[in-house]
Protein backbone atom coordinates (compact mmCIF):
# COMPACT_ATOMS: atom_id res chain seq x y z
CA MET A 1 35.87 -5.10 15.81
CA ILE A 2 37.43 -6.45 18.67
CA GLY A 3 36.83 -10.37 19.26
CA ASP A 4 34.76 -10.69 15.42
CA PRO A 5 36.42 -14.05 14.38
CA ARG A 6 38.91 -13.97 11.77
CA TRP A 7 36.63 -15.39 8.83
CA MET A 8 34.39 -12.74 9.52
CA PRO A 9 35.82 -10.63 6.74
CA TRP A 10 35.93 -13.09 4.01
CA LEU A 11 32.07 -13.84 5.26
CA THR A 12 31.56 -9.97 4.70
CA TYR A 13 33.50 -9.79 1.22
CA ALA A 14 31.78 -13.39 0.18
CA VAL A 15 28.64 -11.74 0.61
CA LEU A 16 29.13 -8.74 -1.02
CA THR A 17 30.72 -10.11 -3.96
CA LEU A 18 27.20 -12.76 -4.19
CA GLY A 19 25.18 -9.24 -4.34
CA VAL A 20 27.30 -7.87 -7.15
CA LEU A 21 26.59 -11.11 -9.10
CA LEU A 22 23.18 -11.15 -8.76
CA ILE A 23 22.75 -7.86 -9.64
CA GLY A 24 25.23 -7.41 -12.31
CA PHE A 25 24.76 -10.71 -14.23
CA PRO A 26 20.62 -9.69 -16.05
CA LEU A 27 22.90 -6.13 -16.61
CA TRP A 28 25.76 -8.06 -18.51
CA VAL A 29 22.90 -10.22 -20.14
CA ALA A 30 21.09 -7.47 -21.71
CA LEU A 31 24.74 -5.65 -22.40
CA ALA A 32 25.56 -8.62 -24.25
CA ALA A 33 22.52 -9.02 -25.85
CA SER A 34 21.96 -5.88 -27.13
CA THR A 35 25.52 -6.39 -29.12
CA GLN A 36 24.34 -9.44 -30.90
CA SER A 37 21.88 -9.80 -33.82
CA ILE A 38 18.44 -11.12 -33.62
CA GLU A 39 20.04 -14.93 -34.67
CA GLN A 40 23.02 -14.80 -32.01
CA VAL A 41 20.42 -13.97 -29.23
CA ARG A 42 17.70 -16.77 -30.27
CA ASP A 43 20.51 -19.23 -30.05
CA VAL A 44 19.99 -21.58 -27.20
CA PRO A 45 21.95 -21.35 -24.94
CA MET A 46 22.69 -17.12 -25.76
CA SER A 47 26.56 -16.43 -26.05
CA LEU A 48 27.48 -14.48 -23.06
CA ALA A 49 30.37 -13.15 -24.89
CA LEU A 50 29.78 -9.28 -26.68
CA GLY A 51 28.94 -9.06 -30.11
CA SER A 52 29.89 -6.79 -32.86
CA GLU A 53 26.35 -5.27 -33.66
CA PHE A 54 26.32 -2.90 -31.06
CA PHE A 55 26.69 0.24 -33.24
CA THR A 56 24.01 -1.22 -35.53
CA ASN A 57 21.85 -1.82 -32.91
CA PHE A 58 21.79 1.29 -31.20
CA ALA A 59 21.58 3.37 -35.10
CA SER A 60 18.32 1.13 -34.99
CA VAL A 61 17.03 1.84 -31.95
CA LEU A 62 17.37 5.66 -32.13
CA ASP A 63 16.31 6.01 -35.74
CA SER A 64 13.36 3.30 -35.20
CA GLY A 65 11.45 1.33 -32.80
CA ALA A 66 11.13 -2.38 -32.84
CA GLY A 67 8.23 -4.68 -32.66
CA ASN A 68 4.75 -3.17 -31.83
CA SER A 69 6.19 0.34 -31.48
CA ALA A 70 7.15 2.23 -34.38
CA ALA A 71 8.47 5.27 -32.34
CA PRO A 72 12.37 5.95 -32.25
CA VAL A 73 13.70 5.66 -29.02
CA GLY A 74 15.66 8.99 -29.13
CA ARG A 75 12.41 10.43 -29.03
CA MET A 76 11.17 8.48 -26.11
CA VAL A 77 14.13 8.74 -23.99
CA PHE A 78 13.91 12.71 -24.81
CA ASN A 79 10.23 12.02 -23.59
CA SER A 80 10.85 10.65 -20.18
CA PHE A 81 13.88 13.34 -19.82
CA VAL A 82 11.65 16.27 -20.09
CA VAL A 83 9.13 14.26 -17.91
CA ALA A 84 11.92 13.61 -14.89
CA MET A 85 13.21 16.73 -14.77
CA VAL A 86 9.80 18.75 -14.60
CA ILE A 87 8.86 16.40 -12.02
CA ALA A 88 12.03 16.72 -9.91
CA VAL A 89 12.19 20.31 -10.22
CA GLY A 90 8.39 21.18 -9.97
CA LYS A 91 8.30 18.74 -6.52
CA ILE A 92 11.81 20.73 -5.22
CA VAL A 93 10.55 23.98 -5.56
CA ILE A 94 6.78 23.34 -5.16
CA SER A 95 7.73 21.30 -1.58
CA LEU A 96 10.24 24.40 -0.46
CA LEU A 97 7.78 27.01 -0.98
CA SER A 98 5.48 25.00 0.70
CA ALA A 99 7.32 23.97 3.90
CA TYR A 100 8.68 27.58 4.17
CA ALA A 101 5.30 28.96 4.36
CA PHE A 102 4.45 26.40 7.42
CA VAL A 103 7.71 26.96 8.98
CA PHE A 104 8.23 30.73 9.08
CA PHE A 105 4.31 32.48 8.43
CA ARG A 106 1.94 32.20 11.08
CA PHE A 107 -1.26 31.52 9.48
CA PRO A 108 -4.96 30.19 10.53
CA GLY A 109 -5.28 26.17 9.66
CA ARG A 110 -1.63 26.16 9.52
CA THR A 111 -1.27 22.65 11.41
CA LEU A 112 -4.24 21.85 10.08
CA ALA A 113 -3.36 22.31 6.33
CA PHE A 114 0.19 20.57 6.64
CA TRP A 115 -1.60 17.64 7.99
CA LEU A 116 -4.33 17.38 5.46
CA ILE A 117 -1.28 17.50 2.98
CA PHE A 118 0.91 14.33 4.51
CA ILE A 119 -2.43 12.32 4.58
CA THR A 120 -2.02 12.50 0.90
CA LEU A 121 0.62 9.91 1.71
CA MET A 122 -2.02 7.32 1.71
CA LEU A 123 -3.94 8.14 -1.44
CA PRO A 124 -0.79 7.52 -4.36
CA VAL A 125 -1.61 7.95 -8.19
CA GLU A 126 -3.04 4.46 -8.26
CA VAL A 127 -5.92 5.19 -6.29
CA ARG A 128 -6.82 8.30 -7.94
CA ILE A 129 -5.88 7.28 -11.44
CA MET A 130 -9.18 7.34 -12.57
CA PRO A 131 -10.59 11.02 -11.43
CA THR A 132 -7.07 12.41 -12.58
CA TYR A 133 -7.49 10.84 -15.67
CA GLU A 134 -10.97 12.32 -16.22
CA VAL A 135 -9.72 16.01 -15.12
CA MET A 136 -6.70 15.93 -17.53
CA ALA A 137 -9.13 14.63 -20.20
CA SER A 138 -11.59 17.09 -19.77
CA LEU A 139 -8.76 20.04 -19.88
CA LYS A 140 -7.58 18.40 -23.06
CA LEU A 141 -4.04 17.37 -21.72
CA ILE A 142 -4.36 13.91 -23.42
CA ASN A 143 -0.99 13.32 -24.97
CA THR A 144 1.00 16.24 -23.46
CA TYR A 145 3.50 17.18 -21.09
CA THR A 146 1.59 19.24 -18.63
CA GLY A 147 -0.73 15.82 -18.63
CA LEU A 148 2.21 13.59 -18.21
CA THR A 149 3.29 15.98 -15.51
CA LEU A 150 1.11 18.09 -13.73
CA PRO A 151 -0.60 14.63 -11.27
CA LEU A 152 2.79 13.96 -10.18
CA ILE A 153 4.45 17.19 -9.40
CA ALA A 154 3.51 17.54 -5.63
CA SER A 155 4.96 15.42 -3.11
CA ALA A 156 3.94 15.57 0.62
CA THR A 157 7.13 13.44 1.59
CA ALA A 158 9.43 16.39 0.60
CA THR A 159 7.05 18.66 2.04
CA PHE A 160 7.93 17.01 4.92
CA LEU A 161 11.28 16.22 4.59
CA PHE A 162 12.18 20.23 4.11
CA ARG A 163 9.76 21.29 6.64
CA GLN A 164 11.94 19.18 9.16
CA PHE A 165 15.06 20.48 7.89
CA PHE A 166 13.63 24.28 8.22
CA MET A 167 12.66 23.74 11.78
CA THR A 168 16.30 23.44 12.76
CA ILE A 169 17.06 26.39 11.44
CA PRO A 170 18.14 28.40 14.69
CA PRO A 171 15.26 31.56 15.46
CA SER A 172 18.55 33.66 16.03
CA LEU A 173 19.32 33.47 12.42
CA VAL A 174 15.93 34.28 11.39
CA ASP A 175 16.42 37.48 13.80
CA ALA A 176 19.39 38.72 12.23
CA ALA A 177 17.77 38.49 9.04
CA ARG A 178 15.10 40.90 9.70
CA ILE A 179 16.95 42.88 11.68
CA ASP A 180 19.22 43.38 8.70
CA GLY A 181 16.25 44.22 6.69
CA ALA A 182 15.87 41.23 4.84
CA SER A 183 12.26 40.39 3.30
CA PRO A 184 10.72 36.94 3.42
CA MET A 185 11.97 35.83 -0.01
CA ARG A 186 15.42 37.47 0.63
CA PHE A 187 15.73 35.18 3.10
CA PHE A 188 14.44 32.22 1.47
CA PHE A 189 16.67 32.68 -1.63
CA GLU A 190 19.74 34.09 0.31
CA ILE A 191 19.95 32.22 3.48
CA LEU A 192 17.65 28.98 3.37
CA LEU A 193 18.60 27.90 -0.20
CA PRO A 194 21.83 27.66 0.48
CA LEU A 195 21.60 25.74 3.89
CA SER A 196 19.09 23.53 1.88
CA ARG A 197 21.76 22.61 -1.62
CA THR A 198 22.37 19.05 -0.12
CA ASN A 199 18.47 18.49 0.73
CA ILE A 200 17.86 19.57 -2.33
CA ALA A 201 19.95 17.51 -4.42
CA ALA A 202 19.44 14.14 -2.37
CA LEU A 203 15.28 14.75 -3.05
CA PHE A 204 16.70 15.49 -7.00
CA VAL A 205 18.13 12.39 -7.09
CA ILE A 206 15.54 10.24 -5.73
CA THR A 207 12.37 12.31 -7.79
CA PHE A 208 14.03 12.35 -10.96
CA THR A 209 14.68 8.42 -11.06
CA TYR A 210 10.72 8.64 -9.51
CA GLY A 211 9.81 10.39 -12.47
CA TRP A 212 12.15 8.43 -14.97
CA ASN A 213 10.75 5.26 -13.96
CA GLN A 214 6.76 5.89 -14.07
CA TYR A 215 5.24 3.09 -16.01
CA LEU A 216 1.26 3.87 -15.02
CA TRP A 217 0.27 7.07 -16.13
CA PRO A 218 2.49 7.21 -18.72
CA LEU A 219 1.20 4.45 -20.13
CA LEU A 220 -2.83 5.30 -19.33
CA ILE A 221 -2.01 9.62 -20.68
CA THR A 222 -0.50 8.97 -23.82
CA THR A 223 -1.76 7.28 -27.10
CA ASP A 224 -0.02 9.09 -29.69
CA GLU A 225 3.32 7.19 -29.85
CA SER A 226 5.76 10.37 -30.21
CA MET A 227 4.40 10.84 -26.62
CA TYR A 228 5.54 7.84 -25.51
CA THR A 229 8.12 7.39 -22.51
CA VAL A 230 11.19 5.01 -22.88
CA VAL A 231 9.17 2.97 -20.34
CA VAL A 232 6.47 2.53 -21.67
CA GLY A 233 8.08 2.09 -24.92
CA ILE A 234 9.94 -1.03 -24.23
CA ARG A 235 6.70 -2.55 -23.38
CA ARG A 236 5.34 -1.86 -26.30
CA MET A 237 8.27 -3.53 -27.97
CA LEU A 238 7.49 -6.69 -26.82
CA ALA A 239 6.03 -8.80 -29.71
CA GLY A 240 2.33 -10.55 -29.31
CA SER A 241 1.90 -13.99 -29.85
CA ASP A 242 1.94 -13.61 -33.51
CA ALA A 243 5.87 -12.23 -34.03
CA ALA A 244 8.81 -12.74 -32.49
CA THR A 245 10.07 -10.12 -30.29
CA GLU A 246 13.60 -8.73 -31.13
CA TRP A 247 15.11 -9.11 -28.01
CA HIS A 248 18.40 -7.65 -29.12
CA LEU A 249 16.58 -4.03 -30.10
CA VAL A 250 14.78 -4.41 -26.61
CA MET A 251 18.13 -4.95 -24.73
CA MET A 252 19.90 -2.13 -26.43
CA THR A 253 16.46 -0.02 -25.32
CA ALA A 254 17.01 -1.07 -21.94
CA LEU A 255 20.10 0.07 -22.04
CA LEU A 256 19.98 3.46 -22.67
CA ALA A 257 16.51 3.31 -20.44
CA MET A 258 19.36 2.99 -17.63
CA LEU A 259 21.70 5.63 -18.76
CA PRO A 260 20.50 8.89 -17.86
CA PRO A 261 19.48 7.72 -13.96
CA LEU A 262 22.77 6.25 -13.42
CA LEU A 263 24.39 9.33 -14.58
CA VAL A 264 22.53 11.27 -12.32
CA VAL A 265 23.13 9.30 -9.89
CA LEU A 266 26.87 9.11 -10.37
CA ALA A 267 26.99 12.89 -10.98
CA MET A 268 25.32 13.92 -7.52
CA GLN A 269 26.97 10.88 -5.41
CA ARG A 270 28.66 13.26 -3.08
CA TRP A 271 25.63 15.74 -2.35
CA PHE A 272 23.44 12.68 -2.32
CA VAL A 273 25.20 10.99 0.55
CA LYS A 274 25.58 14.43 2.00
CA GLY A 275 21.94 15.35 1.94
CA LEU A 276 20.73 11.64 3.60
CA VAL A 277 23.51 11.29 6.06
CA ASP A 278 24.57 14.94 7.22
CA ALA A 279 25.45 14.86 11.33
CA ASP A 280 24.08 18.40 10.87
CA LYS A 281 20.39 17.74 9.15
């Protein structure tokens, strides 16, 4: 901007560099620890140089667990992926259909129903976790993918966002589709879905990360180690007071846990940003 002092760009870059260092240093420590042996990790101070045990540690955590967890990390990563995908796709599908009904259909109590859904934002999983657990237990859904995902699959936020977007659709487009003989579901699939692709991509990234990082509900709903998610597995790897934590394996597992959400964000970054800041939305 005109009139900014010459040192302002340098200050900006300095702040950005400091932020990168603050975020990147713990990641580098985890990466360095994951490539070292347990003896090297326990050295004081621990070396920040990369070691030569990366592939050994990688194979070890994939085939077997560490610490108090005997479940293979590969199995836990698969569980997390299934849970995250089901939650992300389920939230988007349910929210699309519910928002479509609220905007394009007229029925008694439509506004009341929408606000009742919106009020559920004040009731997070932690508040209703015990009644939800009792329902899942009565349905015998403990240690199942259904039990892991079903209570988290609805989203009032996504419904609200899709509703707000659908309300920007011009009535002339709806009238044109009706004149052309398009059925309600044809209008939904052939017109609304293509127009909503950037919103869907942005919400997919957010909801996938949300599902991947779930800890409290998977911890409560799973007792079988074969159904642990990777976030729960990392906590189980931390040994108690009578045993030493295998930090090199814990750090390797943490890196594997960060990889899928990172790949999703990188693969859908353009659509994610466009869905959030597109001026036409």
